[in-house]
C-alpha atoms as a PDB file:
ATOM      1  CA  UNK A   1       2.069  18.947 -12.006  1.00  0.00           C
ATOM      2  CA  UNK A   2       1.659  19.755  -8.347  1.00  0.00           C
ATOM      3  CA  UNK A   3      -0.255  17.083  -6.460  1.00  0.00           C
ATOM      4  CA  UNK A   4      -2.089  18.186  -3.329  1.00  0.00           C
ATOM      5  CA  UNK A   5      -3.010  16.121  -0.266  1.00  0.00           C
ATOM      6  CA  UNK A   6      -6.624  15.844  -1.455  1.00  0.00           C
ATOM      7  CA  UNK A   7      -5.403  14.475  -4.805  1.00  0.00           C
ATOM      8  CA  UNK A   8      -3.447  11.756  -3.012  1.00  0.00           C
ATOM      9  CA  UNK A   9      -6.461  10.876  -0.859  1.00  0.00           C
ATOM     10  CA  UNK A  10      -8.703  10.603  -3.908  1.00  0.00           C
ATOM     11  CA  UNK A  11      -6.084   8.444  -5.641  1.00  0.00           C
ATOM     12  CA  UNK A  12      -5.996   6.196  -2.552  1.00  0.00           C
ATOM     13  CA  UNK A  13      -9.768   5.694  -2.760  1.00  0.00           C
ATOM     14  CA  UNK A  14      -9.471   4.712  -6.420  1.00  0.00           C
ATOM     15  CA  UNK A  15      -6.563   2.322  -5.734  1.00  0.00           C
ATOM     16  CA  UNK A  16      -8.574   0.613  -2.982  1.00  0.00           C
ATOM     17  CA  UNK A  17     -11.470   0.138  -5.429  1.00  0.00           C
ATOM     18  CA  UNK A  18      -9.054  -1.043  -8.119  1.00  0.00           C
ATOM     19  CA  UNK A  19      -7.484  -3.513  -5.700  1.00  0.00           C
ATOM     20  CA  UNK A  20     -10.892  -4.842  -4.695  1.00  0.00           C
ATOM     21  CA  UNK A  21     -11.962  -5.398  -8.321  1.00  0.00           C
ATOM     22  CA  UNK A  22      -8.638  -7.018  -9.189  1.00  0.00           C
ATOM     23  CA  UNK A  23      -8.873  -9.308  -6.160  1.00  0.00           C
ATOM     24  CA  UNK A  24     -12.446 -10.302  -7.039  1.00  0.00           C
ATOM     25  CA  UNK A  25     -11.166 -11.108 -10.540  1.00  0.00           C
ATOM     26  CA  UNK A  26      -8.419 -13.246  -8.953  1.00  0.00           C
ATOM     27  CA  UNK A  27      -5.695 -10.962 -10.298  1.00  0.00           C
ATOM     28  CA  UNK A  28      -3.787 -11.215  -7.052  1.00  0.00           C
ATOM     29  CA  UNK A  29      -0.397  -9.784  -7.979  1.00  0.00           C
ATOM     30  CA  UNK A  30      -1.797  -6.538  -9.346  1.00  0.00           C
ATOM     31  CA  UNK A  31      -4.369  -6.353  -6.534  1.00  0.00           C
ATOM     32  CA  UNK A  32      -1.467  -6.448  -4.084  1.00  0.00           C
ATOM     33  CA  UNK A  33       0.300  -3.710  -6.019  1.00  0.00           C
ATOM     34  CA  UNK A  34      -2.844  -1.530  -6.043  1.00  0.00           C
ATOM     35  CA  UNK A  35      -3.223  -1.996  -2.287  1.00  0.00           C
ATOM     36  CA  UNK A  36       0.356  -0.831  -1.764  1.00  0.00           C
ATOM     37  CA  UNK A  37      -0.276   2.202  -3.955  1.00  0.00           C
ATOM     38  CA  UNK A  38      -3.325   3.052  -1.838  1.00  0.00           C
ATOM     39  CA  UNK A  39      -1.204   3.054   1.321  1.00  0.00           C
ATOM     40  CA  UNK A  40       1.537   5.029  -0.396  1.00  0.00           C
ATOM     41  CA  UNK A  41      -1.007   7.605  -1.564  1.00  0.00           C
ATOM     42  CA  UNK A  42      -2.324   8.097   1.970  1.00  0.00           C
ATOM     43  CA  UNK A  43       1.199   8.521   3.342  1.00  0.00           C
ATOM     44  CA  UNK A  44       2.015  10.977   0.560  1.00  0.00           C
ATOM     45  CA  UNK A  45      -1.093  12.979   1.486  1.00  0.00           C
ATOM     46  CA  UNK A  46       0.192  13.381   5.045  1.00  0.00           C
ATOM     47  CA  UNK A  47       3.708  14.142   3.811  1.00  0.00           C
ATOM     48  CA  UNK A  48       2.354  16.810   1.455  1.00  0.00           C
ATOM     49  CA  UNK A  49       0.713  18.576   4.413  1.00  0.00           C
ATOM     50  CA  UNK A  50       4.217  19.108   5.795  1.00  0.00           C
ATOM     51  CA  UNK A  51       5.842  20.132   2.507  1.00  0.00           C
ATOM     52  CA  UNK A  52       5.161  19.689  -1.188  1.00  0.00           C
ATOM     53  CA  UNK A  53       8.881  19.117  -1.783  1.00  0.00           C
ATOM     54  CA  UNK A  54      10.029  15.594  -1.016  1.00  0.00           C
ATOM     55  CA  UNK A  55      11.718  12.668  -2.698  1.00  0.00           C
ATOM     56  CA  UNK A  56      10.846   9.504  -0.774  1.00  0.00           C
ATOM     57  CA  UNK A  57       9.859   7.696  -3.970  1.00  0.00           C
ATOM     58  CA  UNK A  58       8.101   4.456  -2.985  1.00  0.00           C
ATOM     59  CA  UNK A  59       9.708   4.104   0.452  1.00  0.00           C
ATOM     60  CA  UNK A  60       6.717   3.599   2.743  1.00  0.00           C
ATOM     61  CA  UNK A  61       8.857   3.593   5.886  1.00  0.00           C
ATOM     62  CA  UNK A  62      10.387   6.952   5.025  1.00  0.00           C
ATOM     63  CA  UNK A  63       7.010   8.392   4.016  1.00  0.00           C
ATOM     64  CA  UNK A  64       5.614   7.213   7.360  1.00  0.00           C
ATOM     65  CA  UNK A  65       8.397   8.981   9.246  1.00  0.00           C
ATOM     66  CA  UNK A  66       8.504  12.157   7.140  1.00  0.00           C
ATOM     67  CA  UNK A  67       4.722  12.556   7.049  1.00  0.00           C
ATOM     68  CA  UNK A  68       4.540  12.734  10.840  1.00  0.00           C
ATOM     69  CA  UNK A  69       1.334  10.684  10.643  1.00  0.00           C
ATOM     70  CA  UNK A  70       1.719   9.938  14.344  1.00  0.00           C
ATOM     71  CA  UNK A  71       0.811  13.589  15.016  1.00  0.00           C
ATOM     72  CA  UNK A  72      -2.648  12.913  13.594  1.00  0.00           C
ATOM     73  CA  UNK A  73      -3.338   9.726  15.562  1.00  0.00           C
ATOM     74  CA  UNK A  74      -4.600   9.048  19.050  1.00  0.00           C
ATOM     75  CA  UNK A  75      -1.939   7.407  21.237  1.00  0.00           C
ATOM     76  CA  UNK A  76      -3.852   4.102  21.220  1.00  0.00           C
ATOM     77  CA  UNK A  77      -3.883   4.091  17.394  1.00  0.00           C
ATOM     78  CA  UNK A  78      -0.176   4.771  16.824  1.00  0.00           C
ATOM     79  CA  UNK A  79       1.095   1.245  17.484  1.00  0.00           C
ATOM     80  CA  UNK A  80      -1.662  -0.464  15.515  1.00  0.00           C
ATOM     81  CA  UNK A  81      -1.556   1.820  12.454  1.00  0.00           C
ATOM     82  CA  UNK A  82       2.228   1.990  12.355  1.00  0.00           C
ATOM     83  CA  UNK A  83       2.409  -1.801  12.626  1.00  0.00           C
ATOM     84  CA  UNK A  84      -0.047  -2.269   9.765  1.00  0.00           C
ATOM     85  CA  UNK A  85       1.817   0.175   7.541  1.00  0.00           C
ATOM     86  CA  UNK A  86       5.112  -1.584   8.265  1.00  0.00           C
ATOM     87  CA  UNK A  87       3.440  -4.914   7.443  1.00  0.00           C
ATOM     88  CA  UNK A  88       2.414  -3.505   4.060  1.00  0.00           C
ATOM     89  CA  UNK A  89       5.968  -2.213   3.594  1.00  0.00           C
ATOM     90  CA  UNK A  90       7.416  -5.685   4.186  1.00  0.00           C
ATOM     91  CA  UNK A  91       4.959  -7.391   1.823  1.00  0.00           C
ATOM     92  CA  UNK A  92       4.569  -4.684  -0.816  1.00  0.00           C
ATOM     93  CA  UNK A  93       7.445  -4.057  -3.090  1.00  0.00           C
ATOM     94  CA  UNK A  94       7.561  -3.415  -6.797  1.00  0.00           C
ATOM     95  CA  UNK A  95       8.074  -7.158  -7.333  1.00  0.00           C
ATOM     96  CA  UNK A  96       4.339  -7.956  -7.769  1.00  0.00           C
ATOM     97  CA  UNK A  97       4.343  -5.934 -10.994  1.00  0.00           C
ATOM     98  CA  UNK A  98       6.732  -8.486 -12.456  1.00  0.00           C
ATOM     99  CA  UNK A  99       5.352 -11.651 -10.865  1.00  0.00           C
ATOM    100  CA  UNK A 100       2.662 -13.977 -12.174  1.00  0.00           C
ATOM    101  CA  UNK A 101      -0.360 -14.565  -9.996  1.00  0.00           C
ATOM    102  CA  UNK A 102       0.646 -18.217  -9.678  1.00  0.00           C
ATOM    103  CA  UNK A 103       4.135 -17.371  -8.433  1.00  0.00           C
ATOM    104  CA  UNK A 104       2.709 -14.850  -5.960  1.00  0.00           C
ATOM    105  CA  UNK A 105       0.252 -17.482  -4.750  1.00  0.00           C
ATOM    106  CA  UNK A 106       3.097 -19.972  -4.200  1.00  0.00           C
ATOM    107  CA  UNK A 107       5.005 -17.350  -2.216  1.00  0.00           C
ATOM    108  CA  UNK A 108       1.951 -16.475  -0.121  1.00  0.00           C
ATOM    109  CA  UNK A 109       1.271 -20.188   0.428  1.00  0.00           C
ATOM    110  CA  UNK A 110       4.829 -20.617   1.700  1.00  0.00           C
ATOM    111  CA  UNK A 111       4.186 -17.726   4.124  1.00  0.00           C
ATOM    112  CA  UNK A 112       0.761 -19.221   4.963  1.00  0.00           C
ATOM    113  CA  UNK A 113      -1.008 -16.102   3.702  1.00  0.00           C
ATOM    114  CA  UNK A 114      -2.935 -17.729   0.847  1.00  0.00           C
ATOM    115  CA  UNK A 115      -6.316 -18.408   2.441  1.00  0.00           C
ATOM    116  CA  UNK A 116      -9.008 -18.269  -0.234  1.00  0.00           C
ATOM    117  CA  UNK A 117      -6.610 -17.953  -3.186  1.00  0.00           C
ATOM    118  CA  UNK A 118      -6.323 -20.412  -6.037  1.00  0.00           C
ATOM    119  CA  UNK A 119      -4.156 -20.831  -9.113  1.00  0.00           C
ATOM    120  CA  UNK A 120      -6.008 -19.432 -12.150  1.00  0.00           C
ATOM    121  CA  UNK A 121      -3.768 -20.475 -15.042  1.00  0.00           C
END
């Protein structure tokens, strides 16, 4: 099935909503995964504008480079948006799919990124 840029953008909107609902339900590990998928979907949308043929898999850094997203940004936005995407890249990996919410919370606590989270089991 060929996926167009608009399909990726719509998927990103759904993943943001999914992430929000999961976070509200204190399902932190899967909320984090959904958030990463939202970012990946947006980057894939930009990459698809360049070419429908690509194989970056889940590599957000490569999708960022190959999608030439910087061409669509104002100069003042490039540093901020690129920095945020790279932050997601560093924190989002496939690991949250295989991690309990409690373990993720302990990791985020160690990194001092756990404000407002609590252990649910």
